[in-house]
């Protein structure tokens, strides 16, 4: 369904994170045919130079972000100062 828009447009921007949860594919046949791989992953695999990593995140405390950064993003992800020290008691 995404191909119609992609093929008719002059330019497309895909935003996502291939390090996050993969698609849920319950059919072995569908998985064997590649439906467990997202369009975003295919693009990055075939054309790695097209990907740009955004290095600042705005959701997690710095301690949680540090783990994700080390485990998934080669230490390049940082927590924005507006959320870096948030704790549950400090949230509204």
PDB file of N, CA and C in Angstrom:
ATOM      1  N   UNK A   1       0.818  -1.202   0.000  1.00  0.00           N
ATOM      2  CA  UNK A   1       0.000   0.000   0.000  1.00  0.00           C
ATOM      3  C   UNK A   1       0.862   1.267   0.000  1.00  0.00           C
ATOM      4  N   UNK A   2       2.065   1.192   0.518  1.00  0.00           N
ATOM      5  CA  UNK A   2       2.920   2.383   0.546  1.00  0.00           C
ATOM      6  C   UNK A   2       3.539   2.676  -0.810  1.00  0.00           C
ATOM      7  N   UNK A   3       3.601   1.665  -1.677  1.00  0.00           N
ATOM      8  CA  UNK A   3       4.278   1.845  -2.971  1.00  0.00           C
ATOM      9  C   UNK A   3       3.611   2.879  -3.854  1.00  0.00           C
ATOM     10  N   UNK A   4       2.297   2.997  -3.821  1.00  0.00           N
ATOM     11  CA  UNK A   4       1.610   3.970  -4.674  1.00  0.00           C
ATOM     12  C   UNK A   4       2.101   5.376  -4.349  1.00  0.00           C
ATOM     13  N   UNK A   5       2.092   5.732  -3.088  1.00  0.00           N
ATOM     14  CA  UNK A   5       2.551   7.071  -2.697  1.00  0.00           C
ATOM     15  C   UNK A   5       4.034   7.255  -2.990  1.00  0.00           C
ATOM     16  N   UNK A   6       4.825   6.249  -2.723  1.00  0.00           N
ATOM     17  CA  UNK A   6       6.268   6.368  -2.959  1.00  0.00           C
ATOM     18  C   UNK A   6       6.604   6.503  -4.438  1.00  0.00           C
ATOM     19  N   UNK A   7       5.903   5.782  -5.280  1.00  0.00           N
ATOM     20  CA  UNK A   7       6.197   5.823  -6.711  1.00  0.00           C
ATOM     21  C   UNK A   7       5.665   7.084  -7.391  1.00  0.00           C
ATOM     22  N   UNK A   8       4.647   7.686  -6.829  1.00  0.00           N
ATOM     23  CA  UNK A   8       4.079   8.897  -7.437  1.00  0.00           C
ATOM     24  C   UNK A   8       4.770  10.174  -6.972  1.00  0.00           C
ATOM     25  N   UNK A   9       5.391  10.143  -5.845  1.00  0.00           N
ATOM     26  CA  UNK A   9       6.047  11.339  -5.321  1.00  0.00           C
ATOM     27  C   UNK A   9       7.441  11.530  -5.888  1.00  0.00           C
ATOM     28  N   UNK A  10       7.937  12.757  -5.813  1.00  0.00           N
ATOM     29  CA  UNK A  10       9.296  13.034  -6.269  1.00  0.00           C
ATOM     30  C   UNK A  10      10.312  12.714  -5.182  1.00  0.00           C
ATOM     31  N   UNK A  11       9.868  12.752  -3.947  1.00  0.00           N
ATOM     32  CA  UNK A  11      10.774  12.527  -2.824  1.00  0.00           C
ATOM     33  C   UNK A  11       9.982  11.906  -1.672  1.00  0.00           C
ATOM     34  N   UNK A  12      10.635  11.093  -0.887  1.00  0.00           N
ATOM     35  CA  UNK A  12       9.981  10.483   0.274  1.00  0.00           C
ATOM     36  C   UNK A  12      10.925  10.541   1.459  1.00  0.00           C
ATOM     37  N   UNK A  13      10.359  10.745   2.614  1.00  0.00           N
ATOM     38  CA  UNK A  13      11.131  10.736   3.851  1.00  0.00           C
ATOM     39  C   UNK A  13      10.553   9.648   4.739  1.00  0.00           C
ATOM     40  N   UNK A  14      11.381   8.689   5.114  1.00  0.00           N
ATOM     41  CA  UNK A  14      10.966   7.640   6.037  1.00  0.00           C
ATOM     42  C   UNK A  14      11.588   7.946   7.389  1.00  0.00           C
ATOM     43  N   UNK A  15      10.794   7.955   8.419  1.00  0.00           N
ATOM     44  CA  UNK A  15      11.300   8.190   9.765  1.00  0.00           C
ATOM     45  C   UNK A  15      11.013   6.947  10.590  1.00  0.00           C
ATOM     46  N   UNK A  16      12.009   6.448  11.245  1.00  0.00           N
ATOM     47  CA  UNK A  16      11.813   5.252  12.041  1.00  0.00           C
ATOM     48  C   UNK A  16      13.114   4.831  12.676  1.00  0.00           C
ATOM     49  N   UNK A  17      13.096   3.678  13.271  1.00  0.00           N
ATOM     50  CA  UNK A  17      14.272   3.167  13.951  1.00  0.00           C
ATOM     51  C   UNK A  17      14.317   1.658  13.769  1.00  0.00           C
ATOM     52  N   UNK A  18      15.201   1.207  12.931  1.00  0.00           N
ATOM     53  CA  UNK A  18      15.308  -0.224  12.650  1.00  0.00           C
ATOM     54  C   UNK A  18      15.846  -1.015  13.835  1.00  0.00           C
ATOM     55  N   UNK A  19      16.286  -0.338  14.888  1.00  0.00           N
ATOM     56  CA  UNK A  19      16.757  -1.020  16.094  1.00  0.00           C
ATOM     57  C   UNK A  19      15.613  -1.324  17.064  1.00  0.00           C
ATOM     58  N   UNK A  20      14.443  -0.786  16.797  1.00  0.00           N
ATOM     59  CA  UNK A  20      13.301  -0.990  17.678  1.00  0.00           C
ATOM     60  C   UNK A  20      12.602  -2.308  17.345  1.00  0.00           C
ATOM     61  N   UNK A  21      11.419  -2.509  17.887  1.00  0.00           N
ATOM     62  CA  UNK A  21      10.701  -3.781  17.721  1.00  0.00           C
ATOM     63  C   UNK A  21      10.415  -4.078  16.250  1.00  0.00           C
ATOM     64  N   UNK A  22      10.648  -5.324  15.848  1.00  0.00           N
ATOM     65  CA  UNK A  22      10.381  -5.712  14.463  1.00  0.00           C
ATOM     66  C   UNK A  22       8.883  -5.937  14.243  1.00  0.00           C
ATOM     67  N   UNK A  23       8.469  -6.097  12.990  1.00  0.00           N
ATOM     68  CA  UNK A  23       7.061  -6.412  12.716  1.00  0.00           C
ATOM     69  C   UNK A  23       6.684  -7.756  13.336  1.00  0.00           C
ATOM     70  N   UNK A  24       5.436  -7.892  13.718  1.00  0.00           N
ATOM     71  CA  UNK A  24       4.923  -9.167  14.217  1.00  0.00           C
ATOM     72  C   UNK A  24       4.373  -9.925  13.019  1.00  0.00           C
ATOM     73  N   UNK A  25       4.998 -11.040  12.701  1.00  0.00           N
ATOM     74  CA  UNK A  25       4.574 -11.862  11.571  1.00  0.00           C
ATOM     75  C   UNK A  25       4.234 -13.239  12.118  1.00  0.00           C
ATOM     76  N   UNK A  26       2.979 -13.593  12.052  1.00  0.00           N
ATOM     77  CA  UNK A  26       2.528 -14.864  12.613  1.00  0.00           C
ATOM     78  C   UNK A  26       2.551 -15.998  11.607  1.00  0.00           C
ATOM     79  N   UNK A  27       2.664 -15.683  10.349  1.00  0.00           N
ATOM     80  CA  UNK A  27       2.655 -16.697   9.303  1.00  0.00           C
ATOM     81  C   UNK A  27       4.080 -17.060   8.917  1.00  0.00           C
ATOM     82  N   UNK A  28       4.403 -18.343   8.991  1.00  0.00           N
ATOM     83  CA  UNK A  28       5.733 -18.799   8.596  1.00  0.00           C
ATOM     84  C   UNK A  28       5.985 -18.504   7.119  1.00  0.00           C
ATOM     85  N   UNK A  29       4.945 -18.650   6.310  1.00  0.00           N
ATOM     86  CA  UNK A  29       5.085 -18.378   4.875  1.00  0.00           C
ATOM     87  C   UNK A  29       5.370 -16.893   4.626  1.00  0.00           C
ATOM     88  N   UNK A  30       4.658 -16.034   5.325  1.00  0.00           N
ATOM     89  CA  UNK A  30       4.888 -14.592   5.177  1.00  0.00           C
ATOM     90  C   UNK A  30       6.293 -14.228   5.639  1.00  0.00           C
ATOM     91  N   UNK A  31       6.734 -14.796   6.735  1.00  0.00           N
ATOM     92  CA  UNK A  31       8.093 -14.529   7.229  1.00  0.00           C
ATOM     93  C   UNK A  31       9.125 -15.015   6.213  1.00  0.00           C
ATOM     94  N   UNK A  32       8.890 -16.199   5.641  1.00  0.00           N
ATOM     95  CA  UNK A  32       9.819 -16.746   4.649  1.00  0.00           C
ATOM     96  C   UNK A  32       9.887 -15.878   3.401  1.00  0.00           C
ATOM     97  N   UNK A  33       8.807 -15.160   3.123  1.00  0.00           N
ATOM     98  CA  UNK A  33       8.777 -14.279   1.954  1.00  0.00           C
ATOM     99  C   UNK A  33       9.277 -12.869   2.261  1.00  0.00           C
ATOM    100  N   UNK A  34       9.785 -12.668   3.479  1.00  0.00           N
ATOM    101  CA  UNK A  34      10.427 -11.405   3.791  1.00  0.00           C
ATOM    102  C   UNK A  34       9.575 -10.358   4.469  1.00  0.00           C
ATOM    103  N   UNK A  35       8.354 -10.713   4.892  1.00  0.00           N
ATOM    104  CA  UNK A  35       7.491  -9.710   5.506  1.00  0.00           C
ATOM    105  C   UNK A  35       7.876  -9.372   6.943  1.00  0.00           C
ATOM    106  N   UNK A  36       8.897 -10.024   7.464  1.00  0.00           N
ATOM    107  CA  UNK A  36       9.405  -9.677   8.780  1.00  0.00           C
ATOM    108  C   UNK A  36      10.438  -8.561   8.721  1.00  0.00           C
ATOM    109  N   UNK A  37      10.746  -8.109   7.521  1.00  0.00           N
ATOM    110  CA  UNK A  37      11.725  -7.038   7.318  1.00  0.00           C
ATOM    111  C   UNK A  37      10.978  -5.794   6.864  1.00  0.00           C
ATOM    112  N   UNK A  38      11.181  -4.685   7.552  1.00  0.00           N
ATOM    113  CA  UNK A  38      10.467  -3.458   7.221  1.00  0.00           C
ATOM    114  C   UNK A  38      11.058  -2.784   5.981  1.00  0.00           C
ATOM    115  N   UNK A  39      10.264  -1.923   5.389  1.00  0.00           N
ATOM    116  CA  UNK A  39      10.730  -1.128   4.253  1.00  0.00           C
ATOM    117  C   UNK A  39      11.948  -0.302   4.664  1.00  0.00           C
ATOM    118  N   UNK A  40      11.909   0.223   5.865  1.00  0.00           N
ATOM    119  CA  UNK A  40      13.010   1.024   6.402  1.00  0.00           C
ATOM    120  C   UNK A  40      14.304   0.192   6.467  1.00  0.00           C
ATOM    121  N   UNK A  41      14.205  -1.031   6.967  1.00  0.00           N
ATOM    122  CA  UNK A  41      15.378  -1.914   7.039  1.00  0.00           C
ATOM    123  C   UNK A  41      15.914  -2.234   5.653  1.00  0.00           C
ATOM    124  N   UNK A  42      15.013  -2.494   4.723  1.00  0.00           N
ATOM    125  CA  UNK A  42      15.439  -2.803   3.351  1.00  0.00           C
ATOM    126  C   UNK A  42      16.188  -1.628   2.739  1.00  0.00           C
ATOM    127  N   UNK A  43      15.672  -0.445   2.956  1.00  0.00           N
ATOM    128  CA  UNK A  43      16.315   0.753   2.426  1.00  0.00           C
ATOM    129  C   UNK A  43      17.714   0.909   3.018  1.00  0.00           C
ATOM    130  N   UNK A  44      17.827   0.783   4.327  1.00  0.00           N
ATOM    131  CA  UNK A  44      19.138   0.952   4.965  1.00  0.00           C
ATOM    132  C   UNK A  44      20.119  -0.141   4.573  1.00  0.00           C
ATOM    133  N   UNK A  45      19.621  -1.350   4.379  1.00  0.00           N
ATOM    134  CA  UNK A  45      20.500  -2.447   3.973  1.00  0.00           C
ATOM    135  C   UNK A  45      21.016  -2.230   2.550  1.00  0.00           C
ATOM    136  N   UNK A  46      20.133  -1.825   1.675  1.00  0.00           N
ATOM    137  CA  UNK A  46      20.513  -1.645   0.282  1.00  0.00           C
ATOM    138  C   UNK A  46      21.235  -0.338  -0.021  1.00  0.00           C
ATOM    139  N   UNK A  47      20.971   0.682   0.803  1.00  0.00           N
ATOM    140  CA  UNK A  47      21.545   2.015   0.572  1.00  0.00           C
ATOM    141  C   UNK A  47      21.920   2.647   1.917  1.00  0.00           C
ATOM    142  N   UNK A  48      22.935   2.132   2.596  1.00  0.00           N
ATOM    143  CA  UNK A  48      23.256   2.618   3.941  1.00  0.00           C
ATOM    144  C   UNK A  48      23.592   4.108   3.995  1.00  0.00           C
ATOM    145  N   UNK A  49      24.051   4.664   2.906  1.00  0.00           N
ATOM    146  CA  UNK A  49      24.414   6.075   2.890  1.00  0.00           C
ATOM    147  C   UNK A  49      23.190   6.994   3.003  1.00  0.00           C
ATOM    148  N   UNK A  50      21.989   6.453   2.808  1.00  0.00           N
ATOM    149  CA  UNK A  50      20.786   7.283   2.872  1.00  0.00           C
ATOM    150  C   UNK A  50      20.299   7.500   4.297  1.00  0.00           C
ATOM    151  N   UNK A  51      20.788   6.723   5.241  1.00  0.00           N
ATOM    152  CA  UNK A  51      20.322   6.828   6.619  1.00  0.00           C
ATOM    153  C   UNK A  51      21.033   7.916   7.398  1.00  0.00           C
ATOM    154  N   UNK A  52      20.280   8.589   8.247  1.00  0.00           N
ATOM    155  CA  UNK A  52      20.825   9.612   9.143  1.00  0.00           C
ATOM    156  C   UNK A  52      20.327   9.294  10.545  1.00  0.00           C
ATOM    157  N   UNK A  53      21.240   9.218  11.491  1.00  0.00           N
ATOM    158  CA  UNK A  53      20.835   8.939  12.867  1.00  0.00           C
ATOM    159  C   UNK A  53      20.621  10.238  13.627  1.00  0.00           C
ATOM    160  N   UNK A  54      19.466  10.334  14.264  1.00  0.00           N
ATOM    161  CA  UNK A  54      19.202  11.449  15.163  1.00  0.00           C
ATOM    162  C   UNK A  54      19.736  11.029  16.524  1.00  0.00           C
ATOM    163  N   UNK A  55      20.605  11.813  17.113  1.00  0.00           N
ATOM    164  CA  UNK A  55      21.332  11.382  18.311  1.00  0.00           C
ATOM    165  C   UNK A  55      20.740  11.874  19.625  1.00  0.00           C
ATOM    166  N   UNK A  56      19.753  12.736  19.583  1.00  0.00           N
ATOM    167  CA  UNK A  56      19.142  13.239  20.814  1.00  0.00           C
ATOM    168  C   UNK A  56      17.757  12.652  20.970  1.00  0.00           C
ATOM    169  N   UNK A  57      17.478  12.090  22.153  1.00  0.00           N
ATOM    170  CA  UNK A  57      16.149  11.553  22.425  1.00  0.00           C
ATOM    171  C   UNK A  57      15.500  12.374  23.528  1.00  0.00           C
ATOM    172  N   UNK A  58      14.185  12.419  23.519  1.00  0.00           N
ATOM    173  CA  UNK A  58      13.419  13.304  24.405  1.00  0.00           C
ATOM    174  C   UNK A  58      12.448  12.551  25.313  1.00  0.00           C
ATOM    175  N   UNK A  59      12.681  11.267  25.570  1.00  0.00           N
ATOM    176  CA  UNK A  59      11.729  10.485  26.360  1.00  0.00           C
ATOM    177  C   UNK A  59      12.306   9.871  27.623  1.00  0.00           C
ATOM    178  N   UNK A  60      13.591   9.516  27.618  1.00  0.00           N
ATOM    179  CA  UNK A  60      14.147   8.701  28.704  1.00  0.00           C
ATOM    180  C   UNK A  60      15.094   9.469  29.613  1.00  0.00           C
ATOM    181  N   UNK A  61      15.115   9.047  30.865  1.00  0.00           N
ATOM    182  CA  UNK A  61      16.111   9.511  31.822  1.00  0.00           C
ATOM    183  C   UNK A  61      17.490   9.152  31.270  1.00  0.00           C
ATOM    184  N   UNK A  62      18.484   9.918  31.611  1.00  0.00           N
ATOM    185  CA  UNK A  62      19.835   9.717  31.083  1.00  0.00           C
ATOM    186  C   UNK A  62      20.383   8.313  31.385  1.00  0.00           C
ATOM    187  N   UNK A  63      20.054   7.748  32.550  1.00  0.00           N
ATOM    188  CA  UNK A  63      20.554   6.412  32.895  1.00  0.00           C
ATOM    189  C   UNK A  63      19.990   5.339  31.971  1.00  0.00           C
ATOM    190  N   UNK A  64      18.714   5.433  31.655  1.00  0.00           N
ATOM    191  CA  UNK A  64      18.093   4.470  30.743  1.00  0.00           C
ATOM    192  C   UNK A  64      18.624   4.687  29.337  1.00  0.00           C
ATOM    193  N   UNK A  65      18.726   5.936  28.952  1.00  0.00           N
ATOM    194  CA  UNK A  65      19.244   6.276  27.630  1.00  0.00           C
ATOM    195  C   UNK A  65      20.665   5.761  27.449  1.00  0.00           C
ATOM    196  N   UNK A  66      21.456   5.835  28.490  1.00  0.00           N
ATOM    197  CA  UNK A  66      22.846   5.386  28.394  1.00  0.00           C
ATOM    198  C   UNK A  66      22.916   3.898  28.056  1.00  0.00           C
ATOM    199  N   UNK A  67      22.036   3.100  28.679  1.00  0.00           N
ATOM    200  CA  UNK A  67      22.024   1.672  28.358  1.00  0.00           C
ATOM    201  C   UNK A  67      21.668   1.459  26.892  1.00  0.00           C
ATOM    202  N   UNK A  68      20.577   2.079  26.445  1.00  0.00           N
ATOM    203  CA  UNK A  68      20.153   1.931  25.049  1.00  0.00           C
ATOM    204  C   UNK A  68      21.241   2.421  24.100  1.00  0.00           C
ATOM    205  N   UNK A  69      21.872   3.503  24.460  1.00  0.00           N
ATOM    206  CA  UNK A  69      22.927   4.072  23.630  1.00  0.00           C
ATOM    207  C   UNK A  69      24.076   3.092  23.451  1.00  0.00           C
ATOM    208  N   UNK A  70      24.514   2.487  24.543  1.00  0.00           N
ATOM    209  CA  UNK A  70      25.633   1.546  24.484  1.00  0.00           C
ATOM    210  C   UNK A  70      25.255   0.244  23.770  1.00  0.00           C
ATOM    211  N   UNK A  71      24.069  -0.272  24.069  1.00  0.00           N
ATOM    212  CA  UNK A  71      23.656  -1.572  23.531  1.00  0.00           C
ATOM    213  C   UNK A  71      23.246  -1.533  22.060  1.00  0.00           C
ATOM    214  N   UNK A  72      22.646  -0.424  21.631  1.00  0.00           N
ATOM    215  CA  UNK A  72      22.063  -0.385  20.292  1.00  0.00           C
ATOM    216  C   UNK A  72      22.677   0.638  19.343  1.00  0.00           C
ATOM    217  N   UNK A  73      23.271   1.699  19.877  1.00  0.00           N
ATOM    218  CA  UNK A  73      23.644   2.826  19.022  1.00  0.00           C
ATOM    219  C   UNK A  73      25.118   3.239  19.136  1.00  0.00           C
ATOM    220  N   UNK A  74      25.952   2.323  19.546  1.00  0.00           N
ATOM    221  CA  UNK A  74      27.402   2.588  19.631  1.00  0.00           C
ATOM    222  C   UNK A  74      27.744   3.828  20.441  1.00  0.00           C
ATOM    223  N   UNK A  75      26.985   4.081  21.485  1.00  0.00           N
ATOM    224  CA  UNK A  75      27.266   5.202  22.383  1.00  0.00           C
ATOM    225  C   UNK A  75      26.912   6.570  21.828  1.00  0.00           C
ATOM    226  N   UNK A  76      26.160   6.635  20.750  1.00  0.00           N
ATOM    227  CA  UNK A  76      25.883   7.922  20.101  1.00  0.00           C
ATOM    228  C   UNK A  76      24.575   8.580  20.525  1.00  0.00           C
ATOM    229  N   UNK A  77      23.726   7.889  21.273  1.00  0.00           N
ATOM    230  CA  UNK A  77      22.440   8.442  21.679  1.00  0.00           C
ATOM    231  C   UNK A  77      22.569   9.150  23.019  1.00  0.00           C
ATOM    232  N   UNK A  78      22.009  10.354  23.126  1.00  0.00           N
ATOM    233  CA  UNK A  78      22.051  11.117  24.379  1.00  0.00           C
ATOM    234  C   UNK A  78      20.654  11.600  24.740  1.00  0.00           C
ATOM    235  N   UNK A  79      20.431  11.776  26.037  1.00  0.00           N
ATOM    236  CA  UNK A  79      19.156  12.300  26.527  1.00  0.00           C
ATOM    237  C   UNK A  79      19.205  13.821  26.511  1.00  0.00           C
ATOM    238  N   UNK A  80      18.147  14.439  26.014  1.00  0.00           N
ATOM    239  CA  UNK A  80      18.053  15.897  26.021  1.00  0.00           C
ATOM    240  C   UNK A  80      17.977  16.375  27.471  1.00  0.00           C
ATOM    241  N   UNK A  81      18.522  17.541  27.723  1.00  0.00           N
ATOM    242  CA  UNK A  81      18.557  18.056  29.103  1.00  0.00           C
ATOM    243  C   UNK A  81      17.166  18.220  29.701  1.00  0.00           C
ATOM    244  N   UNK A  82      16.138  18.383  28.866  1.00  0.00           N
ATOM    245  CA  UNK A  82      14.781  18.552  29.385  1.00  0.00           C
ATOM    246  C   UNK A  82      14.212  17.267  29.989  1.00  0.00           C
ATOM    247  N   UNK A  83      14.799  16.098  29.664  1.00  0.00           N
ATOM    248  CA  UNK A  83      14.313  14.832  30.216  1.00  0.00           C
ATOM    249  C   UNK A  83      15.404  14.045  30.935  1.00  0.00           C
ATOM    250  N   UNK A  84      16.624  14.477  30.838  1.00  0.00           N
ATOM    251  CA  UNK A  84      17.757  13.704  31.334  1.00  0.00           C
ATOM    252  C   UNK A  84      17.660  13.367  32.821  1.00  0.00           C
ATOM    253  N   UNK A  85      17.044  14.232  33.602  1.00  0.00           N
ATOM    254  CA  UNK A  85      16.978  13.975  35.039  1.00  0.00           C
ATOM    255  C   UNK A  85      15.554  13.729  35.538  1.00  0.00           C
ATOM    256  N   UNK A  86      14.611  13.501  34.633  1.00  0.00           N
ATOM    257  CA  UNK A  86      13.222  13.219  35.045  1.00  0.00           C
ATOM    258  C   UNK A  86      13.155  11.929  35.840  1.00  0.00           C
ATOM    259  N   UNK A  87      12.347  11.945  36.874  1.00  0.00           N
ATOM    260  CA  UNK A  87      12.024  10.734  37.638  1.00  0.00           C
ATOM    261  C   UNK A  87      10.507  10.639  37.720  1.00  0.00           C
ATOM    262  N   UNK A  88       9.986   9.474  38.069  1.00  0.00           N
ATOM    263  CA  UNK A  88       8.530   9.332  38.172  1.00  0.00           C
ATOM    264  C   UNK A  88       7.907  10.342  39.140  1.00  0.00           C
ATOM    265  N   UNK A  89       8.470  10.556  40.330  1.00  0.00           N
ATOM    266  CA  UNK A  89       7.856  11.532  41.239  1.00  0.00           C
ATOM    267  C   UNK A  89       7.860  12.967  40.688  1.00  0.00           C
ATOM    268  N   UNK A  90       8.779  13.276  39.769  1.00  0.00           N
ATOM    269  CA  UNK A  90       8.847  14.643  39.241  1.00  0.00           C
ATOM    270  C   UNK A  90       7.896  14.888  38.077  1.00  0.00           C
ATOM    271  N   UNK A  91       7.280  13.805  37.558  1.00  0.00           N
ATOM    272  CA  UNK A  91       6.351  13.974  36.431  1.00  0.00           C
ATOM    273  C   UNK A  91       5.008  14.481  36.923  1.00  0.00           C
ATOM    274  N   UNK A  92       4.294  15.230  36.064  1.00  0.00           N
ATOM    275  CA  UNK A  92       2.978  15.762  36.480  1.00  0.00           C
ATOM    276  C   UNK A  92       1.938  14.673  36.670  1.00  0.00           C
TER     277      UNK A  92
END
